[in-house]
C-alpha atoms as a PDB file:
ATOM      1  CA  MET A   1      -5.645  73.872  40.875  1.00  0.00           C
ATOM      2  CA  PRO A   2      -4.844  71.882  44.040  1.00  0.00           C
ATOM      3  CA  GLN A   3      -3.541  68.354  43.436  1.00  0.00           C
ATOM      4  CA  PRO A   4      -5.491  65.402  44.929  1.00  0.00           C
ATOM      5  CA  GLN A   5      -3.942  63.981  48.061  1.00  0.00           C
ATOM      6  CA  VAL A   6      -2.351  60.578  47.581  1.00  0.00           C
ATOM      7  CA  THR A   7      -2.968  58.225  50.475  1.00  0.00           C
ATOM      8  CA  ARG A   8      -2.091  54.581  50.977  1.00  0.00           C
ATOM      9  CA  ARG A   9      -5.714  53.756  50.225  1.00  0.00           C
ATOM     10  CA  THR A  10      -5.788  55.668  46.922  1.00  0.00           C
ATOM     11  CA  ALA A  11      -2.360  54.314  45.956  1.00  0.00           C
ATOM     12  CA  LEU A  12      -3.546  50.748  46.603  1.00  0.00           C
ATOM     13  CA  ALA A  13      -6.693  51.373  44.580  1.00  0.00           C
ATOM     14  CA  SER A  14      -4.562  52.640  41.688  1.00  0.00           C
ATOM     15  CA  LEU A  15      -2.364  49.543  41.817  1.00  0.00           C
ATOM     16  CA  ILE A  16      -5.396  47.244  41.796  1.00  0.00           C
ATOM     17  CA  ALA A  17      -6.917  49.127  38.859  1.00  0.00           C
ATOM     18  CA  ALA A  18      -3.656  48.881  36.929  1.00  0.00           C
ATOM     19  CA  ALA A  19      -3.421  45.171  37.673  1.00  0.00           C
ATOM     20  CA  TYR A  20      -6.905  44.554  36.329  1.00  0.00           C
ATOM     21  CA  ALA A  21      -6.155  46.640  33.251  1.00  0.00           C
ATOM     22  CA  GLY A  22      -3.116  44.426  32.648  1.00  0.00           C
ATOM     23  CA  GLY A  23      -5.194  41.297  32.956  1.00  0.00           C
ATOM     24  CA  LEU A  24      -4.613  40.289  36.574  1.00  0.00           C
ATOM     25  CA  GLY A  25      -7.743  39.218  38.356  1.00  0.00           C
ATOM     26  CA  THR A  26      -9.085  37.747  35.136  1.00  0.00           C
ATOM     27  CA  GLY A  27      -6.366  35.116  34.766  1.00  0.00           C
ATOM     28  CA  ARG A  28      -4.978  37.058  31.803  1.00  0.00           C
ATOM     29  CA  ALA A  29      -1.734  38.966  31.363  1.00  0.00           C
ATOM     30  CA  ALA A  30      -1.036  41.667  28.821  1.00  0.00           C
ATOM     31  CA  ALA A  31       1.895  39.846  27.219  1.00  0.00           C
ATOM     32  CA  PRO A  32       3.736  36.560  27.807  1.00  0.00           C
ATOM     33  CA  GLU A  33       7.307  36.565  29.076  1.00  0.00           C
ATOM     34  CA  ARG A  34       8.256  33.942  26.489  1.00  0.00           C
ATOM     35  CA  VAL A  35       6.311  31.893  23.948  1.00  0.00           C
ATOM     36  CA  ASN A  36       7.175  28.378  22.775  1.00  0.00           C
ATOM     37  CA  VAL A  37       6.268  28.024  19.096  1.00  0.00           C
ATOM     38  CA  GLY A  38       6.520  24.768  17.168  1.00  0.00           C
ATOM     39  CA  PHE A  39       7.176  25.167  13.445  1.00  0.00           C
ATOM     40  CA  PHE A  40       8.383  23.482  10.272  1.00  0.00           C
ATOM     41  CA  THR A  41      11.016  24.769   7.875  1.00  0.00           C
ATOM     42  CA  GLU A  42       8.841  25.371   4.834  1.00  0.00           C
ATOM     43  CA  THR A  43       8.598  27.633   1.831  1.00  0.00           C
ATOM     44  CA  LYS A  44       5.610  29.649   3.042  1.00  0.00           C
ATOM     45  CA  PRO A  45       4.812  33.201   4.183  1.00  0.00           C
ATOM     46  CA  THR A  46       5.033  31.898   7.756  1.00  0.00           C
ATOM     47  CA  MET A  47       8.803  32.095   7.290  1.00  0.00           C
ATOM     48  CA  ILE A  48       8.531  35.815   6.478  1.00  0.00           C
ATOM     49  CA  ALA A  49       6.845  36.611   9.780  1.00  0.00           C
ATOM     50  CA  LYS A  50       9.340  34.385  11.584  1.00  0.00           C
ATOM     51  CA  GLY A  51      12.447  35.755   9.891  1.00  0.00           C
ATOM     52  CA  GLU A  52      11.399  39.409  10.160  1.00  0.00           C
ATOM     53  CA  GLU A  53      10.388  38.860  13.811  1.00  0.00           C
ATOM     54  CA  TRP A  54       6.829  40.002  13.139  1.00  0.00           C
ATOM     55  CA  PHE A  55       5.508  37.068  15.152  1.00  0.00           C
ATOM     56  CA  ALA A  56       7.516  38.140  18.212  1.00  0.00           C
ATOM     57  CA  GLN A  57       6.288  41.707  17.828  1.00  0.00           C
ATOM     58  CA  GLY A  58       2.696  40.511  17.539  1.00  0.00           C
ATOM     59  CA  LEU A  59       2.954  38.260  20.579  1.00  0.00           C
ATOM     60  CA  GLY A  60       4.563  41.003  22.637  1.00  0.00           C
ATOM     61  CA  GLY A  61       7.306  38.721  23.930  1.00  0.00           C
ATOM     62  CA  PRO A  62      10.333  36.696  22.794  1.00  0.00           C
ATOM     63  CA  ILE A  63       9.856  33.329  21.098  1.00  0.00           C
ATOM     64  CA  THR A  64      11.591  30.010  21.593  1.00  0.00           C
ATOM     65  CA  TRP A  65      11.324  28.330  18.201  1.00  0.00           C
ATOM     66  CA  THR A  66      11.358  24.513  18.066  1.00  0.00           C
ATOM     67  CA  GLU A  67      11.357  22.699  14.741  1.00  0.00           C
ATOM     68  CA  PHE A  68       9.252  19.545  14.578  1.00  0.00           C
ATOM     69  CA  ALA A  69       8.992  16.808  11.974  1.00  0.00           C
ATOM     70  CA  SER A  70       5.211  16.392  12.102  1.00  0.00           C
ATOM     71  CA  GLY A  71       2.059  17.655  13.716  1.00  0.00           C
ATOM     72  CA  ALA A  72       1.988  14.487  15.812  1.00  0.00           C
ATOM     73  CA  GLU A  73       5.143  15.709  17.549  1.00  0.00           C
ATOM     74  CA  ILE A  74       3.506  19.087  18.177  1.00  0.00           C
ATOM     75  CA  ASN A  75       0.544  17.277  19.744  1.00  0.00           C
ATOM     76  CA  THR A  76       2.900  15.551  22.172  1.00  0.00           C
ATOM     77  CA  ALA A  77       4.555  18.864  23.052  1.00  0.00           C
ATOM     78  CA  MET A  78       1.148  20.485  23.623  1.00  0.00           C
ATOM     79  CA  VAL A  79       0.262  17.797  26.146  1.00  0.00           C
ATOM     80  CA  ALA A  80       3.620  18.268  27.858  1.00  0.00           C
ATOM     81  CA  GLY A  81       3.073  22.037  28.006  1.00  0.00           C
ATOM     82  CA  SER A  82       6.300  22.697  26.089  1.00  0.00           C
ATOM     83  CA  CYS A  83       4.565  24.121  22.995  1.00  0.00           C
ATOM     84  CA  ASP A  84       2.165  27.071  23.176  1.00  0.00           C
ATOM     85  CA  ILE A  85       1.491  27.585  19.465  1.00  0.00           C
ATOM     86  CA  GLY A  86       1.710  25.088  16.624  1.00  0.00           C
ATOM     87  CA  LEU A  87       2.437  26.948  13.388  1.00  0.00           C
ATOM     88  CA  ALA A  88       1.275  25.224  10.208  1.00  0.00           C
ATOM     89  CA  THR A  89       0.506  21.937  11.920  1.00  0.00           C
ATOM     90  CA  GLY A  90      -1.380  19.603   9.629  1.00  0.00           C
ATOM     91  CA  SER A  91      -5.098  18.921   9.628  1.00  0.00           C
ATOM     92  CA  VAL A  92      -4.455  15.217  10.260  1.00  0.00           C
ATOM     93  CA  ALA A  93      -2.636  15.805  13.539  1.00  0.00           C
ATOM     94  CA  THR A  94      -5.263  18.392  14.486  1.00  0.00           C
ATOM     95  CA  ALA A  95      -8.118  15.971  13.843  1.00  0.00           C
ATOM     96  CA  SER A  96      -6.295  13.308  15.839  1.00  0.00           C
ATOM     97  CA  GLY A  97      -5.647  15.659  18.743  1.00  0.00           C
ATOM     98  CA  ILE A  98      -9.224  16.915  18.950  1.00  0.00           C
ATOM     99  CA  SER A  99     -10.482  13.334  18.821  1.00  0.00           C
ATOM    100  CA  GLN A 100      -8.285  12.516  21.811  1.00  0.00           C
ATOM    101  CA  ASN A 101      -9.333  15.651  23.704  1.00  0.00           C
ATOM    102  CA  LEU A 102      -5.824  17.088  23.688  1.00  0.00           C
ATOM    103  CA  PRO A 103      -5.538  20.550  25.291  1.00  0.00           C
ATOM    104  CA  PHE A 104      -5.458  22.803  22.237  1.00  0.00           C
ATOM    105  CA  GLN A 105      -7.812  24.777  20.015  1.00  0.00           C
ATOM    106  CA  LEU A 106      -7.797  25.662  16.327  1.00  0.00           C
ATOM    107  CA  VAL A 107      -7.458  29.413  15.753  1.00  0.00           C
ATOM    108  CA  GLY A 108      -6.392  29.827  12.127  1.00  0.00           C
ATOM    109  CA  VAL A 109      -5.631  28.336   8.716  1.00  0.00           C
ATOM    110  CA  VAL A 110      -2.328  28.736   6.915  1.00  0.00           C
ATOM    111  CA  ASP A 111      -3.183  27.082   3.624  1.00  0.00           C
ATOM    112  CA  ASN A 112      -5.086  24.572   1.597  1.00  0.00           C
ATOM    113  CA  ILE A 113      -2.176  22.306   0.661  1.00  0.00           C
ATOM    114  CA  GLY A 114      -3.357  21.156  -2.760  1.00  0.00           C
ATOM    115  CA  PRO A 115      -0.406  20.109  -4.980  1.00  0.00           C
ATOM    116  CA  ALA A 116       2.248  21.537  -2.642  1.00  0.00           C
ATOM    117  CA  GLU A 117       2.597  18.137  -0.935  1.00  0.00           C
ATOM    118  CA  GLU A 118       2.887  15.432  -3.527  1.00  0.00           C
ATOM    119  CA  MET A 119       4.338  12.046  -4.331  1.00  0.00           C
ATOM    120  CA  THR A 120       7.864  12.297  -5.727  1.00  0.00           C
ATOM    121  CA  VAL A 121       9.314   9.231  -7.432  1.00  0.00           C
ATOM    122  CA  ARG A 122      12.848   8.483  -8.560  1.00  0.00           C
ATOM    123  CA  ALA A 123      12.847   8.845 -12.332  1.00  0.00           C
ATOM    124  CA  SER A 124      15.121   5.817 -12.758  1.00  0.00           C
ATOM    125  CA  THR A 125      12.528   3.500 -11.159  1.00  0.00           C
ATOM    126  CA  ASN A 126      10.141   4.002 -14.108  1.00  0.00           C
ATOM    127  CA  ILE A 127       7.089   4.312 -11.856  1.00  0.00           C
ATOM    128  CA  ARG A 128       4.286   5.251 -14.233  1.00  0.00           C
ATOM    129  CA  THR A 129       1.115   3.769 -12.712  1.00  0.00           C
ATOM    130  CA  PRO A 130      -0.106   2.967  -9.184  1.00  0.00           C
ATOM    131  CA  ALA A 131       0.601  -0.717  -9.832  1.00  0.00           C
ATOM    132  CA  ASP A 132       4.287   0.149 -10.337  1.00  0.00           C
ATOM    133  CA  PHE A 133       4.563   0.976  -6.612  1.00  0.00           C
ATOM    134  CA  ARG A 134       4.361  -2.726  -5.703  1.00  0.00           C
ATOM    135  CA  GLY A 135       7.593  -3.789  -4.064  1.00  0.00           C
ATOM    136  CA  LYS A 136       8.834  -0.202  -3.758  1.00  0.00           C
ATOM    137  CA  LYS A 137       9.957   1.747  -0.664  1.00  0.00           C
ATOM    138  CA  VAL A 138       8.141   5.008  -0.012  1.00  0.00           C
ATOM    139  CA  ALA A 139       9.104   7.386   2.825  1.00  0.00           C
ATOM    140  CA  THR A 140       6.955   9.944   4.622  1.00  0.00           C
ATOM    141  CA  PRO A 141       6.810  11.522   8.106  1.00  0.00           C
ATOM    142  CA  PHE A 142       4.254   9.447  10.049  1.00  0.00           C
ATOM    143  CA  GLY A 143       1.374  11.374  11.575  1.00  0.00           C
ATOM    144  CA  SER A 144       1.628  14.118   8.941  1.00  0.00           C
ATOM    145  CA  THR A 145      -0.702  15.282   6.185  1.00  0.00           C
ATOM    146  CA  SER A 146       1.664  13.631   3.697  1.00  0.00           C
ATOM    147  CA  HIS A 147       1.268  10.313   5.540  1.00  0.00           C
ATOM    148  CA  PHE A 148      -2.521  10.729   5.394  1.00  0.00           C
ATOM    149  CA  ARG A 149      -2.366  11.390   1.663  1.00  0.00           C
ATOM    150  CA  LEU A 150      -0.045   8.429   1.082  1.00  0.00           C
ATOM    151  CA  LEU A 151      -2.406   6.073   2.922  1.00  0.00           C
ATOM    152  CA  GLY A 152      -5.282   7.515   0.916  1.00  0.00           C
ATOM    153  CA  PHE A 153      -3.350   6.877  -2.292  1.00  0.00           C
ATOM    154  CA  LEU A 154      -2.789   3.238  -1.334  1.00  0.00           C
ATOM    155  CA  LYS A 155      -6.424   2.703  -0.369  1.00  0.00           C
ATOM    156  CA  THR A 156      -7.913   4.303  -3.479  1.00  0.00           C
ATOM    157  CA  ASN A 157      -5.635   2.178  -5.674  1.00  0.00           C
ATOM    158  CA  ASN A 158      -6.277  -1.128  -3.889  1.00  0.00           C
ATOM    159  CA  LEU A 159      -2.758  -1.281  -2.493  1.00  0.00           C
ATOM    160  CA  THR A 160      -1.764  -2.167   1.055  1.00  0.00           C
ATOM    161  CA  GLN A 161       1.349  -1.810   3.176  1.00  0.00           C
ATOM    162  CA  ARG A 162       2.098  -5.425   2.296  1.00  0.00           C
ATOM    163  CA  ASP A 163       2.413  -4.303  -1.324  1.00  0.00           C
ATOM    164  CA  VAL A 164       4.395  -1.139  -0.607  1.00  0.00           C
ATOM    165  CA  THR A 165       6.982  -0.634   2.150  1.00  0.00           C
ATOM    166  CA  VAL A 166       6.087   2.624   3.894  1.00  0.00           C
ATOM    167  CA  LEU A 167       8.934   4.111   5.941  1.00  0.00           C
ATOM    168  CA  ASP A 168       8.657   6.729   8.689  1.00  0.00           C
ATOM    169  CA  MET A 169      11.254   9.450   8.051  1.00  0.00           C
ATOM    170  CA  ARG A 170      11.656  13.118   8.858  1.00  0.00           C
ATOM    171  CA  PRO A 171      12.141  15.404   5.814  1.00  0.00           C
ATOM    172  CA  ALA A 172      15.908  15.689   6.354  1.00  0.00           C
ATOM    173  CA  ALA A 173      16.208  11.910   6.687  1.00  0.00           C
ATOM    174  CA  ILE A 174      14.204  11.476   3.483  1.00  0.00           C
ATOM    175  CA  GLN A 175      16.697  13.647   1.610  1.00  0.00           C
ATOM    176  CA  ALA A 176      19.617  11.650   3.011  1.00  0.00           C
ATOM    177  CA  ALA A 177      18.003   8.305   2.161  1.00  0.00           C
ATOM    178  CA  TRP A 178      17.261   9.564  -1.339  1.00  0.00           C
ATOM    179  CA  ALA A 179      20.902  10.556  -1.819  1.00  0.00           C
ATOM    180  CA  ARG A 180      21.960   7.036  -0.739  1.00  0.00           C
ATOM    181  CA  ASN A 181      19.475   5.484  -3.182  1.00  0.00           C
ATOM    182  CA  GLU A 182      17.687   3.712  -0.310  1.00  0.00           C
ATOM    183  CA  ILE A 183      14.131   4.758  -1.209  1.00  0.00           C
ATOM    184  CA  ASP A 184      12.179   4.771  -4.449  1.00  0.00           C
ATOM    185  CA  ALA A 185       9.674   7.507  -3.658  1.00  0.00           C
ATOM    186  CA  ALA A 186       8.568   9.942  -0.972  1.00  0.00           C
ATOM    187  CA  TYR A 187       5.441  11.844  -0.021  1.00  0.00           C
ATOM    188  CA  VAL A 188       6.625  15.065   1.588  1.00  0.00           C
ATOM    189  CA  TRP A 189       6.402  18.854   1.472  1.00  0.00           C
ATOM    190  CA  ALA A 190       8.778  21.566   0.257  1.00  0.00           C
ATOM    191  CA  PRO A 191      11.624  22.351   0.540  1.00  0.00           C
ATOM    192  CA  ALA A 192      12.416  18.617   0.889  1.00  0.00           C
ATOM    193  CA  LYS A 193      10.178  17.854  -2.085  1.00  0.00           C
ATOM    194  CA  SER A 194      11.935  20.471  -4.230  1.00  0.00           C
ATOM    195  CA  LYS A 195      15.341  19.045  -3.353  1.00  0.00           C
ATOM    196  CA  LEU A 196      14.228  15.521  -4.316  1.00  0.00           C
ATOM    197  CA  LEU A 197      13.043  16.824  -7.656  1.00  0.00           C
ATOM    198  CA  GLU A 198      16.427  18.462  -8.189  1.00  0.00           C
ATOM    199  CA  ALA A 199      18.122  15.135  -7.374  1.00  0.00           C
ATOM    200  CA  GLY A 200      16.552  12.947 -10.034  1.00  0.00           C
ATOM    201  CA  GLY A 201      12.941  12.940  -8.877  1.00  0.00           C
ATOM    202  CA  GLN A 202       9.722  13.586 -10.722  1.00  0.00           C
ATOM    203  CA  VAL A 203       6.170  14.306  -9.594  1.00  0.00           C
ATOM    204  CA  PHE A 204       3.683  11.439  -9.585  1.00  0.00           C
ATOM    205  CA  ARG A 205       0.414  13.385  -9.485  1.00  0.00           C
ATOM    206  CA  THR A 206      -2.090  12.272  -6.854  1.00  0.00           C
ATOM    207  CA  TRP A 207      -3.404  15.370  -5.067  1.00  0.00           C
ATOM    208  CA  ASP A 208      -6.410  16.250  -7.241  1.00  0.00           C
ATOM    209  CA  THR A 209      -7.767  12.683  -7.272  1.00  0.00           C
ATOM    210  CA  LEU A 210      -7.261  12.455  -3.509  1.00  0.00           C
ATOM    211  CA  ASP A 211      -8.979  15.795  -2.887  1.00  0.00           C
ATOM    212  CA  ARG A 212     -12.020  14.586  -4.803  1.00  0.00           C
ATOM    213  CA  ALA A 213     -11.963  11.348  -2.781  1.00  0.00           C
ATOM    214  CA  GLY A 214     -12.135  13.355   0.470  1.00  0.00           C
ATOM    215  CA  TYR A 215      -8.458  13.418   1.419  1.00  0.00           C
ATOM    216  CA  VAL A 216      -8.370  17.197   1.732  1.00  0.00           C
ATOM    217  CA  VAL A 217      -5.414  18.450   3.787  1.00  0.00           C
ATOM    218  CA  ALA A 218      -4.593  21.852   5.196  1.00  0.00           C
ATOM    219  CA  ASP A 219      -2.033  23.491   7.456  1.00  0.00           C
ATOM    220  CA  LEU A 220      -3.407  25.135  10.574  1.00  0.00           C
ATOM    221  CA  ILE A 221      -2.541  27.263  13.597  1.00  0.00           C
ATOM    222  CA  VAL A 222      -3.336  25.673  16.949  1.00  0.00           C
ATOM    223  CA  VAL A 223      -2.897  27.104  20.443  1.00  0.00           C
ATOM    224  CA  ARG A 224      -2.608  25.399  23.809  1.00  0.00           C
ATOM    225  CA  ASN A 225      -5.812  26.061  25.797  1.00  0.00           C
ATOM    226  CA  ALA A 226      -4.058  27.380  28.896  1.00  0.00           C
ATOM    227  CA  PHE A 227      -2.042  29.835  26.816  1.00  0.00           C
ATOM    228  CA  ALA A 228      -5.155  31.012  24.975  1.00  0.00           C
ATOM    229  CA  ALA A 229      -6.970  31.633  28.259  1.00  0.00           C
ATOM    230  CA  SER A 230      -4.074  33.686  29.613  1.00  0.00           C
ATOM    231  CA  TYR A 231      -2.981  35.600  26.508  1.00  0.00           C
ATOM    232  CA  PRO A 232      -5.838  36.201  24.051  1.00  0.00           C
ATOM    233  CA  ASP A 233      -4.319  39.491  22.888  1.00  0.00           C
ATOM    234  CA  ALA A 234      -1.079  37.704  22.019  1.00  0.00           C
ATOM    235  CA  ILE A 235      -2.976  35.307  19.758  1.00  0.00           C
ATOM    236  CA  VAL A 236      -4.618  38.232  17.974  1.00  0.00           C
ATOM    237  CA  GLY A 237      -1.197  39.817  17.480  1.00  0.00           C
ATOM    238  CA  PHE A 238       0.234  36.544  16.167  1.00  0.00           C
ATOM    239  CA  LEU A 239      -2.549  36.246  13.587  1.00  0.00           C
ATOM    240  CA  LYS A 240      -2.115  39.875  12.540  1.00  0.00           C
ATOM    241  CA  ALA A 241       1.579  39.206  11.967  1.00  0.00           C
ATOM    242  CA  TYR A 242       0.737  36.286   9.708  1.00  0.00           C
ATOM    243  CA  GLY A 243      -1.780  38.441   7.856  1.00  0.00           C
ATOM    244  CA  ARG A 244       0.984  40.981   7.248  1.00  0.00           C
ATOM    245  CA  ALA A 245       3.194  38.254   5.774  1.00  0.00           C
ATOM    246  CA  LEU A 246       0.368  37.079   3.518  1.00  0.00           C
ATOM    247  CA  GLU A 247      -0.113  40.626   2.269  1.00  0.00           C
ATOM    248  CA  MET A 248       3.584  40.882   1.453  1.00  0.00           C
ATOM    249  CA  TRP A 249       3.401  37.646  -0.547  1.00  0.00           C
ATOM    250  CA  ARG A 250       0.326  38.959  -2.379  1.00  0.00           C
ATOM    251  CA  THR A 251       1.735  42.390  -3.210  1.00  0.00           C
ATOM    252  CA  GLN A 252       5.528  41.850  -3.295  1.00  0.00           C
ATOM    253  CA  PRO A 253       6.030  38.209  -4.307  1.00  0.00           C
ATOM    254  CA  ASP A 254       9.687  38.574  -5.316  1.00  0.00           C
ATOM    255  CA  ALA A 255      10.692  40.294  -2.077  1.00  0.00           C
ATOM    256  CA  ALA A 256       8.660  37.758  -0.101  1.00  0.00           C
ATOM    257  CA  ALA A 257      10.297  34.841  -1.913  1.00  0.00           C
ATOM    258  CA  ALA A 258      13.760  36.236  -1.168  1.00  0.00           C
ATOM    259  CA  ILE A 259      13.048  36.270   2.586  1.00  0.00           C
ATOM    260  CA  VAL A 260      11.519  32.780   2.533  1.00  0.00           C
ATOM    261  CA  ALA A 261      14.480  31.479   0.538  1.00  0.00           C
ATOM    262  CA  ARG A 262      16.939  32.651   3.195  1.00  0.00           C
ATOM    263  CA  GLN A 263      14.894  31.005   5.941  1.00  0.00           C
ATOM    264  CA  ALA A 264      14.340  27.703   4.096  1.00  0.00           C
ATOM    265  CA  GLY A 265      17.767  27.317   2.511  1.00  0.00           C
ATOM    266  CA  VAL A 266      16.629  27.355  -1.112  1.00  0.00           C
ATOM    267  CA  THR A 267      16.901  29.788  -4.007  1.00  0.00           C
ATOM    268  CA  PRO A 268      14.333  32.598  -4.382  1.00  0.00           C
ATOM    269  CA  GLN A 269      13.167  30.930  -7.599  1.00  0.00           C
ATOM    270  CA  VAL A 270      12.426  27.662  -5.791  1.00  0.00           C
ATOM    271  CA  ALA A 271      10.752  29.473  -2.906  1.00  0.00           C
ATOM    272  CA  LYS A 272       8.482  31.385  -5.266  1.00  0.00           C
ATOM    273  CA  ALA A 273       7.587  28.280  -7.278  1.00  0.00           C
ATOM    274  CA  ASP A 274       6.826  26.346  -4.111  1.00  0.00           C
ATOM    275  CA  MET A 275       4.568  29.062  -2.695  1.00  0.00           C
ATOM    276  CA  GLU A 276       2.645  29.318  -5.941  1.00  0.00           C
ATOM    277  CA  GLU A 277       1.487  25.718  -5.396  1.00  0.00           C
ATOM    278  CA  TYR A 278      -0.297  26.545  -2.129  1.00  0.00           C
ATOM    279  CA  ASP A 279      -3.690  28.159  -1.672  1.00  0.00           C
ATOM    280  CA  PHE A 280      -2.979  30.574   1.177  1.00  0.00           C
ATOM    281  CA  ILE A 281      -6.203  31.631   2.899  1.00  0.00           C
ATOM    282  CA  SER A 282      -6.608  35.279   3.949  1.00  0.00           C
ATOM    283  CA  LEU A 283      -7.621  36.003   7.542  1.00  0.00           C
ATOM    284  CA  ALA A 284     -11.046  37.230   6.424  1.00  0.00           C
ATOM    285  CA  ASP A 285     -11.691  34.191   4.206  1.00  0.00           C
ATOM    286  CA  GLN A 286     -10.802  31.867   7.066  1.00  0.00           C
ATOM    287  CA  MET A 287     -14.018  32.994   8.771  1.00  0.00           C
ATOM    288  CA  SER A 288     -16.143  32.043   5.759  1.00  0.00           C
ATOM    289  CA  ALA A 289     -18.592  29.142   5.848  1.00  0.00           C
ATOM    290  CA  ARG A 290     -16.241  27.176   3.586  1.00  0.00           C
ATOM    291  CA  TRP A 291     -13.466  27.255   6.179  1.00  0.00           C
ATOM    292  CA  LEU A 292     -13.602  27.858   9.934  1.00  0.00           C
ATOM    293  CA  GLY A 293     -16.761  29.938  10.062  1.00  0.00           C
ATOM    294  CA  ALA A 294     -17.698  32.900  12.244  1.00  0.00           C
ATOM    295  CA  PRO A 295     -17.395  32.804  16.046  1.00  0.00           C
ATOM    296  CA  GLY A 296     -19.987  30.376  17.375  1.00  0.00           C
ATOM    297  CA  GLN A 297     -20.874  29.223  13.846  1.00  0.00           C
ATOM    298  CA  PRO A 298     -18.342  26.579  12.738  1.00  0.00           C
ATOM    299  CA  GLY A 299     -17.819  26.298   9.001  1.00  0.00           C
ATOM    300  CA  ALA A 300     -17.441  23.309   6.708  1.00  0.00           C
ATOM    301  CA  PHE A 301     -13.904  22.596   7.860  1.00  0.00           C
ATOM    302  CA  ALA A 302     -15.263  20.991  11.026  1.00  0.00           C
ATOM    303  CA  GLY A 303     -16.682  18.321   8.726  1.00  0.00           C
ATOM    304  CA  VAL A 304     -13.303  17.881   7.009  1.00  0.00           C
ATOM    305  CA  LEU A 305     -11.704  17.245  10.407  1.00  0.00           C
ATOM    306  CA  LYS A 306     -14.449  14.766  11.256  1.00  0.00           C
ATOM    307  CA  GLY A 307     -13.894  12.882   7.987  1.00  0.00           C
ATOM    308  CA  THR A 308     -10.155  12.827   8.610  1.00  0.00           C
ATOM    309  CA  ALA A 309     -10.679  11.443  12.111  1.00  0.00           C
ATOM    310  CA  ASP A 310     -12.986   8.720  10.778  1.00  0.00           C
ATOM    311  CA  PHE A 311     -10.230   7.646   8.383  1.00  0.00           C
ATOM    312  CA  LEU A 312      -7.715   7.584  11.239  1.00  0.00           C
ATOM    313  CA  VAL A 313     -10.046   5.258  13.164  1.00  0.00           C
ATOM    314  CA  GLU A 314     -10.266   2.999  10.133  1.00  0.00           C
ATOM    315  CA  GLN A 315      -6.456   2.951   9.979  1.00  0.00           C
ATOM    316  CA  ARG A 316      -6.346   2.205  13.725  1.00  0.00           C
ATOM    317  CA  SER A 317      -4.314   5.354  14.348  1.00  0.00           C
ATOM    318  CA  ILE A 318      -6.842   6.516  16.960  1.00  0.00           C
ATOM    319  CA  ARG A 319      -9.499   4.553  18.832  1.00  0.00           C
ATOM    320  CA  SER A 320     -12.577   6.633  18.059  1.00  0.00           C
ATOM    321  CA  ALA A 321     -13.774   9.828  16.417  1.00  0.00           C
ATOM    322  CA  PRO A 322     -16.291  12.150  18.101  1.00  0.00           C
ATOM    323  CA  GLY A 323     -19.219  13.846  16.395  1.00  0.00           C
ATOM    324  CA  VAL A 324     -18.714  16.852  14.134  1.00  0.00           C
ATOM    325  CA  GLU A 325     -19.968  19.159  16.905  1.00  0.00           C
ATOM    326  CA  VAL A 326     -16.852  18.361  18.961  1.00  0.00           C
ATOM    327  CA  PHE A 327     -14.637  19.575  16.129  1.00  0.00           C
ATOM    328  CA  GLY A 328     -16.813  22.668  15.819  1.00  0.00           C
ATOM    329  CA  ARG A 329     -16.322  23.482  19.495  1.00  0.00           C
ATOM    330  CA  ALA A 330     -12.555  23.210  19.081  1.00  0.00           C
ATOM    331  CA  ILE A 331     -12.599  25.967  16.438  1.00  0.00           C
ATOM    332  CA  HIS A 332     -12.167  29.460  17.917  1.00  0.00           C
ATOM    333  CA  THR A 333     -12.386  32.303  15.403  1.00  0.00           C
ATOM    334  CA  GLU A 334     -12.923  35.117  17.889  1.00  0.00           C
ATOM    335  CA  TYR A 335      -9.206  35.897  17.607  1.00  0.00           C
ATOM    336  CA  LEU A 336      -9.430  36.069  13.794  1.00  0.00           C
ATOM    337  CA  GLN A 337     -12.430  38.356  14.099  1.00  0.00           C
ATOM    338  CA  ARG A 338     -10.433  40.773  16.235  1.00  0.00           C
ATOM    339  CA  ALA A 339      -7.356  40.486  13.998  1.00  0.00           C
ATOM    340  CA  VAL A 340      -9.368  41.390  10.922  1.00  0.00           C
ATOM    341  CA  ALA A 341     -11.208  44.216  12.660  1.00  0.00           C
END
């Protein structure tokens, strides 16, 4: 059979077609050259996908990983354009960012935190009741879900920051201050929480009472709007990678804990115990009415973000909170839908 003649016109047409197939002309590219991901060192399945490089494979490009102390820091990096994806950023920082019209969208849920973040008190201080916190020093990373919970604990127990000295510290600084006997308690997440417990701490249970009072906290996945517009396929791949890590934790918990332990600097036993405290939400369940909802139909979590923002206004952390519909519009589950399909 004779071969078709290749002319400059047909060659140009082929190049244009290939460019459109790769995303050019639509403002989208097939894969990013490099992705800036903000993360936290935590005992979670996120560390499996990070350590095994599943996230990089899903994104289709190399990752620059930057560790942050709080979601508030990720918000700042999003505005600066130096963070494309915030991995496991807290619902408090997310509610704050949406309220301030920061340039990111919510694309996934990592977990319902539950008891995984909790008040840890030094056993030698004999703190037994909320009243025993008067005159004590409590550390937490400001702008985090732990900070939100701590403020909720004070409010629901008729305590103020005149009664309790609240200190802003990153998790590593909390551990150092604890070792120097400079603080009496801390509200923080694992592995810092686990290390405080190993060093003479004990849990002062607050999470269930706070959940019932409306101080629900979760860890989320947020994406910078410009990145999402350019690389939607990369977001789908990133979510699939996390789904793979969740499946490993569900089906091979010991192997999963061993990987997380290496990434977080703890023993496999501690990693497994820490992860058992979280309620990790499957990709499919994230699209339920209880959580993010289906594309175009925001779920109940939009209301949780609204309630969180209202509390932040009351605390004078942000100036105002928009209506629940604004939070609904910031939730984009079309990527989850494709990842599950």
